N, C-alpha and C. Protein backbone atom coordinates (compact mmCIF):
# COMPACT_ATOMS: atom_id res chain seq x y z
N MET A 1 18.80 14.08 0.84
CA MET A 1 17.21 14.29 0.27
C MET A 1 16.17 13.33 0.89
N VAL A 2 16.49 12.16 0.57
CA VAL A 2 15.85 11.13 0.84
C VAL A 2 15.77 10.50 2.38
N LYS A 3 14.63 10.53 2.76
CA LYS A 3 14.65 9.96 4.33
C LYS A 3 14.69 8.50 4.38
N ASN A 4 15.22 7.72 5.45
CA ASN A 4 15.05 6.63 5.61
C ASN A 4 13.93 6.13 6.58
N ASN A 5 13.11 7.16 6.97
CA ASN A 5 12.31 6.87 8.31
C ASN A 5 10.82 6.36 7.45
N ALA A 6 9.98 5.76 8.00
CA ALA A 6 8.63 5.32 7.61
C ALA A 6 7.73 6.51 7.85
N TYR A 7 6.72 6.32 7.04
CA TYR A 7 5.38 7.48 7.17
C TYR A 7 4.81 6.64 8.25
N ASP A 8 3.93 7.46 9.21
CA ASP A 8 3.12 7.00 9.83
C ASP A 8 1.64 6.45 9.01
N LEU A 9 1.28 5.38 9.64
CA LEU A 9 0.09 4.62 8.81
C LEU A 9 -0.97 4.67 9.97
N ARG A 10 -2.39 4.80 9.38
CA ARG A 10 -3.42 4.27 9.95
C ARG A 10 -4.29 3.32 9.31
N LEU A 11 -4.13 1.98 9.59
CA LEU A 11 -4.76 0.80 8.91
C LEU A 11 -5.86 0.59 9.51
N ALA A 12 -6.64 -0.04 8.53
CA ALA A 12 -8.30 -0.62 8.83
C ALA A 12 -8.09 -1.80 7.77
N LYS A 13 -9.00 -2.92 8.18
CA LYS A 13 -9.74 -4.07 7.78
C LYS A 13 -10.74 -3.43 6.68
N THR A 14 -11.22 -4.11 5.55
CA THR A 14 -12.07 -3.59 4.58
C THR A 14 -12.99 -4.84 4.66
N LEU A 15 -14.05 -4.63 3.73
CA LEU A 15 -14.88 -5.86 3.55
C LEU A 15 -14.44 -6.97 2.54
N PHE A 16 -13.27 -6.71 2.29
CA PHE A 16 -12.76 -7.73 1.46
C PHE A 16 -11.70 -8.42 2.05
N GLU A 17 -11.77 -9.96 1.99
CA GLU A 17 -10.81 -10.63 2.49
C GLU A 17 -9.34 -10.53 2.08
N ASN A 18 -8.46 -10.18 3.12
CA ASN A 18 -7.13 -9.92 2.91
C ASN A 18 -6.69 -8.43 2.11
N THR A 19 -7.53 -7.55 2.65
CA THR A 19 -7.37 -6.21 1.80
C THR A 19 -7.62 -5.17 3.13
N TYR A 20 -6.44 -4.39 2.92
CA TYR A 20 -6.65 -3.46 4.18
C TYR A 20 -6.64 -2.04 3.48
N ALA A 21 -7.20 -1.00 4.29
CA ALA A 21 -7.00 0.47 3.66
C ALA A 21 -6.11 1.10 4.76
N ALA A 22 -5.61 1.98 4.03
CA ALA A 22 -4.47 2.72 4.96
C ALA A 22 -4.50 4.42 4.58
N HIS A 23 -4.49 5.27 5.50
CA HIS A 23 -4.12 6.60 5.21
C HIS A 23 -2.47 6.83 5.59
N VAL A 24 -2.11 7.50 4.89
CA VAL A 24 -0.40 7.81 4.65
C VAL A 24 -0.45 9.15 5.80
N LEU A 25 0.38 9.18 6.70
CA LEU A 25 0.46 10.72 7.46
C LEU A 25 1.94 11.15 7.24
N ASN A 26 2.19 12.37 6.98
CA ASN A 26 3.48 12.85 6.93
C ASN A 26 3.75 13.31 8.47
N ASP A 27 4.82 14.26 8.32
CA ASP A 27 5.29 14.37 9.92
C ASP A 27 4.49 15.38 10.74
N ASN A 28 3.74 15.98 9.90
CA ASN A 28 2.88 17.02 10.56
C ASN A 28 1.53 16.34 10.87
N LYS A 29 1.39 15.19 10.63
CA LYS A 29 0.34 13.88 10.88
C LYS A 29 -0.95 14.57 10.05
N ASP A 30 -0.55 15.30 8.70
CA ASP A 30 -1.57 15.39 7.59
C ASP A 30 -1.73 14.23 7.01
N VAL A 31 -2.92 13.93 6.22
CA VAL A 31 -3.24 12.80 5.28
C VAL A 31 -2.55 13.24 4.14
N ILE A 32 -1.69 12.41 3.45
CA ILE A 32 -1.11 12.85 2.20
C ILE A 32 -1.32 11.50 1.40
N GLY A 33 -1.93 10.48 1.39
CA GLY A 33 -2.45 9.50 0.64
C GLY A 33 -3.24 8.46 1.20
N LYS A 34 -4.13 7.78 0.33
CA LYS A 34 -5.08 6.82 0.79
C LYS A 34 -4.92 5.54 0.18
N LEU A 35 -4.41 4.44 0.60
CA LEU A 35 -3.92 2.96 -0.17
C LEU A 35 -4.90 1.99 -0.02
N ARG A 36 -4.79 1.26 -0.53
CA ARG A 36 -5.47 -0.36 -0.39
C ARG A 36 -4.00 -1.20 -0.46
N ILE A 37 -4.08 -2.05 0.46
CA ILE A 37 -3.13 -3.10 0.70
C ILE A 37 -3.66 -4.40 0.58
N VAL A 38 -2.84 -5.46 -0.51
CA VAL A 38 -3.30 -6.74 -0.51
C VAL A 38 -2.06 -7.55 -0.55
N PRO A 39 -1.84 -8.12 0.98
CA PRO A 39 -0.84 -9.28 0.94
C PRO A 39 -0.93 -10.46 0.07
N SER A 40 0.10 -10.58 -0.46
CA SER A 40 0.22 -11.57 -1.33
C SER A 40 1.04 -12.54 -1.04
N ILE A 41 0.44 -13.79 -0.56
CA ILE A 41 1.32 -14.89 0.15
C ILE A 41 1.16 -16.14 -0.64
N PRO A 42 2.42 -16.74 -1.12
CA PRO A 42 2.45 -17.81 -1.73
C PRO A 42 1.77 -18.92 -1.38
N LEU A 43 1.17 -19.86 -1.99
CA LEU A 43 0.37 -21.28 -1.83
C LEU A 43 1.52 -21.97 -0.91
N ASP A 44 1.20 -23.05 0.18
CA ASP A 44 2.03 -23.77 0.69
C ASP A 44 2.39 -24.75 -0.29
N ARG A 45 3.69 -25.02 -0.46
CA ARG A 45 4.64 -26.00 -1.20
C ARG A 45 3.90 -27.24 -1.11
N SER A 46 3.22 -27.72 -0.37
CA SER A 46 2.42 -28.91 -0.13
C SER A 46 1.28 -29.20 -1.34
N VAL A 47 0.94 -27.92 -1.64
CA VAL A 47 -0.49 -28.04 -2.51
C VAL A 47 0.41 -27.67 -4.04
N LEU A 48 1.35 -27.71 -4.41
CA LEU A 48 2.18 -27.27 -5.57
C LEU A 48 2.98 -28.54 -6.19
N PRO A 49 3.20 -28.19 -7.38
CA PRO A 49 4.01 -29.34 -8.18
C PRO A 49 5.56 -29.25 -7.72
N GLU A 50 6.32 -30.50 -7.50
CA GLU A 50 7.52 -30.28 -6.92
C GLU A 50 8.43 -29.28 -7.89
N ASN A 51 7.92 -29.17 -9.04
CA ASN A 51 9.02 -28.31 -10.03
C ASN A 51 8.42 -26.80 -9.92
N ALA A 52 7.52 -26.39 -9.05
CA ALA A 52 7.02 -25.04 -9.20
C ALA A 52 7.84 -24.17 -8.64
N PRO A 53 7.91 -22.95 -9.28
CA PRO A 53 8.80 -21.87 -8.85
C PRO A 53 8.92 -21.55 -7.31
N VAL A 54 9.96 -21.12 -6.52
CA VAL A 54 9.92 -20.63 -5.58
C VAL A 54 9.72 -18.98 -5.50
N VAL A 55 8.46 -18.71 -4.74
CA VAL A 55 8.24 -17.14 -5.01
C VAL A 55 8.16 -16.66 -3.46
N SER A 56 8.39 -15.36 -3.41
CA SER A 56 8.58 -14.61 -2.12
C SER A 56 7.07 -13.93 -1.93
N PRO A 57 6.76 -13.62 -0.66
CA PRO A 57 5.66 -12.83 -0.48
C PRO A 57 5.68 -11.46 -0.57
N PHE A 58 4.68 -10.64 -1.11
CA PHE A 58 4.83 -9.22 -1.10
C PHE A 58 3.69 -8.46 -0.94
N LEU A 59 3.82 -7.23 -1.02
CA LEU A 59 2.59 -6.43 -0.86
C LEU A 59 2.20 -5.65 -1.86
N LEU A 60 1.03 -5.93 -2.28
CA LEU A 60 0.51 -5.21 -3.61
C LEU A 60 -0.26 -3.78 -2.80
N VAL A 61 0.28 -2.83 -3.35
CA VAL A 61 0.00 -1.44 -2.50
C VAL A 61 -0.87 -0.70 -4.03
N ILE A 62 -2.06 -0.69 -3.51
CA ILE A 62 -2.92 0.57 -4.50
C ILE A 62 -3.00 1.55 -3.99
N VAL A 63 -2.73 2.72 -4.84
CA VAL A 63 -2.70 4.23 -4.34
C VAL A 63 -3.85 4.58 -5.22
N ASP A 64 -4.69 4.76 -4.21
CA ASP A 64 -5.98 5.37 -4.49
C ASP A 64 -5.86 6.72 -4.74
N ASP A 65 -5.06 7.40 -3.84
CA ASP A 65 -4.91 9.09 -3.87
C ASP A 65 -3.60 9.31 -3.13
N ALA A 66 -3.12 10.20 -3.69
CA ALA A 66 -1.69 10.55 -2.82
C ALA A 66 -1.27 12.23 -3.27
N ASP A 67 -0.53 12.57 -2.42
CA ASP A 67 0.17 14.13 -2.64
C ASP A 67 1.45 13.78 -2.95
N ILE A 68 1.49 13.16 -4.26
CA ILE A 68 2.89 12.83 -5.08
C ILE A 68 3.21 13.42 -6.57
N ASN A 69 4.35 13.71 -6.55
CA ASN A 69 4.72 14.14 -8.21
C ASN A 69 6.13 13.62 -8.37
N LYS A 70 6.63 14.03 -9.59
CA LYS A 70 7.73 13.33 -9.96
C LYS A 70 8.85 13.60 -9.14
N ASP A 71 8.82 14.61 -8.41
CA ASP A 71 9.84 14.96 -7.54
C ASP A 71 9.68 14.43 -6.20
N ASN A 72 8.77 13.83 -5.63
CA ASN A 72 8.81 13.03 -4.47
C ASN A 72 8.35 11.63 -4.52
N LEU A 73 8.25 11.13 -5.72
CA LEU A 73 7.71 9.76 -5.84
C LEU A 73 8.51 8.89 -5.51
N ILE A 74 9.72 8.59 -5.43
CA ILE A 74 10.61 7.61 -5.27
C ILE A 74 10.45 7.69 -3.41
N ASP A 75 10.78 9.12 -2.87
CA ASP A 75 10.72 9.15 -1.58
C ASP A 75 9.47 8.76 -0.85
N PHE A 76 8.46 8.83 -1.36
CA PHE A 76 7.03 8.37 -1.09
C PHE A 76 6.80 6.80 -1.10
N GLU A 77 7.15 6.04 -2.09
CA GLU A 77 7.24 4.84 -2.06
C GLU A 77 8.05 4.40 -0.97
N GLU A 78 9.33 4.56 -1.12
CA GLU A 78 10.44 4.08 -0.09
C GLU A 78 9.75 4.15 1.27
N ARG A 79 9.46 5.51 1.78
CA ARG A 79 8.87 5.56 3.15
C ARG A 79 7.67 4.82 3.53
N VAL A 80 6.69 4.61 2.28
CA VAL A 80 5.54 3.73 2.38
C VAL A 80 6.05 2.17 2.45
N SER A 81 6.78 2.11 1.67
CA SER A 81 7.33 0.46 1.77
C SER A 81 7.88 0.11 3.16
N TYR A 82 8.79 0.92 3.44
CA TYR A 82 9.40 0.77 5.08
C TYR A 82 8.28 0.45 6.03
N ALA A 83 7.23 1.47 5.98
CA ALA A 83 6.26 1.42 7.03
C ALA A 83 5.21 -0.06 6.70
N LEU A 84 5.03 -0.33 5.58
CA LEU A 84 3.91 -1.47 5.46
C LEU A 84 5.05 -2.89 5.57
N LEU A 85 6.10 -2.74 5.12
CA LEU A 85 6.88 -4.00 5.23
C LEU A 85 7.03 -4.45 6.75
N LYS A 86 7.34 -3.18 7.56
CA LYS A 86 7.86 -3.42 9.15
C LYS A 86 6.42 -3.84 9.87
N ARG A 87 5.24 -3.25 9.39
CA ARG A 87 4.06 -3.42 9.86
C ARG A 87 3.34 -4.56 9.62
N PHE A 88 3.57 -5.27 8.47
CA PHE A 88 2.91 -6.84 8.13
C PHE A 88 3.61 -7.59 8.20
N SER A 89 4.91 -7.66 8.36
CA SER A 89 5.87 -8.70 8.55
C SER A 89 5.75 -9.34 10.14
N THR A 90 5.85 -10.70 10.28
CA THR A 90 5.46 -11.43 11.33
C THR A 90 6.40 -12.50 11.33
N GLU A 91 6.32 -13.17 12.48
CA GLU A 91 7.57 -14.60 12.76
C GLU A 91 7.14 -15.41 11.64
N THR A 92 6.11 -15.63 11.16
CA THR A 92 5.74 -16.76 10.02
C THR A 92 5.90 -16.02 8.58
N VAL A 93 6.00 -14.85 8.29
CA VAL A 93 5.91 -14.25 6.98
C VAL A 93 6.66 -13.08 7.02
N ALA A 94 7.66 -13.17 6.06
CA ALA A 94 8.45 -11.72 5.93
C ALA A 94 8.22 -11.17 4.50
N PHE A 95 7.49 -10.25 4.39
CA PHE A 95 7.28 -9.87 3.12
C PHE A 95 8.71 -9.08 2.41
N GLN A 96 8.83 -9.42 1.15
CA GLN A 96 9.85 -8.92 0.69
C GLN A 96 10.05 -7.67 -0.33
N HIS A 97 9.04 -7.25 -0.66
CA HIS A 97 8.83 -5.88 -1.18
C HIS A 97 7.36 -5.44 -1.36
N CYS A 98 7.35 -4.15 -1.85
CA CYS A 98 5.69 -3.74 -2.11
C CYS A 98 5.99 -3.56 -3.61
N GLN A 99 4.66 -3.56 -4.32
CA GLN A 99 4.75 -3.59 -5.49
C GLN A 99 3.36 -2.40 -5.66
N PHE A 100 3.80 -1.28 -6.12
CA PHE A 100 2.67 -0.16 -6.26
C PHE A 100 2.06 -0.31 -7.52
N TYR A 101 0.76 0.32 -7.53
CA TYR A 101 0.04 0.00 -8.54
C TYR A 101 -0.96 1.46 -8.51
N TYR A 102 -0.80 2.48 -9.61
CA TYR A 102 -1.53 3.24 -9.70
C TYR A 102 -2.60 3.44 -10.79
N PRO A 103 -3.96 3.39 -10.21
CA PRO A 103 -4.92 3.35 -11.07
C PRO A 103 -4.87 4.35 -12.15
N SER A 104 -5.25 4.15 -13.39
CA SER A 104 -5.37 4.98 -14.31
C SER A 104 -6.44 6.18 -14.22
N PRO A 105 -5.86 7.18 -14.57
CA PRO A 105 -6.77 8.69 -14.41
C PRO A 105 -7.95 8.64 -14.96
N ALA A 106 -7.87 7.74 -16.42
CA ALA A 106 -9.48 7.42 -17.00
C ALA A 106 -10.27 6.67 -16.20
N PHE A 107 -9.67 5.68 -15.43
CA PHE A 107 -10.54 4.97 -14.52
C PHE A 107 -11.04 5.71 -13.30
N ILE A 108 -10.58 6.44 -13.11
CA ILE A 108 -10.80 7.21 -11.74
C ILE A 108 -11.74 8.41 -12.21
N PHE A 109 -11.39 8.97 -13.20
CA PHE A 109 -12.61 9.91 -13.56
C PHE A 109 -13.76 9.38 -14.22
N GLU A 110 -13.76 8.25 -14.15
CA GLU A 110 -15.07 7.44 -14.77
C GLU A 110 -16.15 7.18 -13.53
N GLN A 111 -15.49 7.56 -12.16
CA GLN A 111 -16.24 7.14 -10.92
C GLN A 111 -17.01 8.65 -10.58
N PRO A 112 -18.19 8.32 -10.15
CA PRO A 112 -19.00 9.44 -9.58
C PRO A 112 -18.27 10.41 -8.55
N GLY A 113 -18.35 11.53 -8.90
CA GLY A 113 -17.85 12.49 -7.73
C GLY A 113 -16.19 12.47 -7.57
N ALA A 114 -15.64 11.90 -8.83
CA ALA A 114 -14.08 11.88 -8.78
C ALA A 114 -13.17 12.95 -9.11
N THR A 115 -13.92 14.21 -9.46
CA THR A 115 -13.16 15.22 -9.49
C THR A 115 -13.75 16.68 -8.55
N ASP A 116 -14.50 16.05 -7.54
CA ASP A 116 -15.14 17.10 -6.71
C ASP A 116 -14.69 16.40 -5.35
N THR A 117 -14.24 15.23 -5.13
CA THR A 117 -13.80 14.68 -3.78
C THR A 117 -12.48 14.82 -3.51
N PRO A 118 -12.01 15.38 -2.56
CA PRO A 118 -10.78 15.61 -2.35
C PRO A 118 -9.86 14.76 -1.37
N LEU A 119 -8.85 14.81 -0.78
CA LEU A 119 -8.38 13.69 0.00
C LEU A 119 -9.46 13.88 1.20
N ASP A 120 -9.75 12.78 1.90
CA ASP A 120 -10.46 12.80 3.33
C ASP A 120 -9.51 12.56 4.39
N PRO A 121 -9.18 13.56 5.22
CA PRO A 121 -8.38 13.69 6.12
C PRO A 121 -8.77 12.81 7.42
N THR A 122 -10.19 12.36 7.23
CA THR A 122 -10.67 11.32 8.61
C THR A 122 -9.98 10.32 8.89
N PRO A 123 -9.75 9.88 9.89
CA PRO A 123 -9.00 8.51 10.14
C PRO A 123 -9.80 7.29 9.69
N VAL A 124 -8.88 6.39 9.13
CA VAL A 124 -9.50 5.03 8.50
C VAL A 124 -10.10 4.15 9.58
N MET A 125 -9.61 4.20 10.91
CA MET A 125 -9.94 3.32 11.90
C MET A 125 -11.19 3.94 12.64
């Protein structure tokens, strides 16, 4: 049941430093999610106290909208994680995991047009 292959992603920079927008595409190239990705890179050891703990870089993934439910949540997160870790890791930074965040429905419903704006299939780029 669980696929080990990644979803396709369309990535774009945003107006914020180190924040990216992404559309998640299923196997049929339909948009099934809108994400914001914030790479969390630890400070250089030279600017930290000697006894500071060692931490690994990770990707904060804010799920703004997605076609998910209790039956496909784990598969969604696994496939998105695989795609993002592969896409963002470089020779100098190897992200260790993705941390998913789902904004509260109460917060979303307070936004103008929240209940009448469906997933936008328009490309991010």
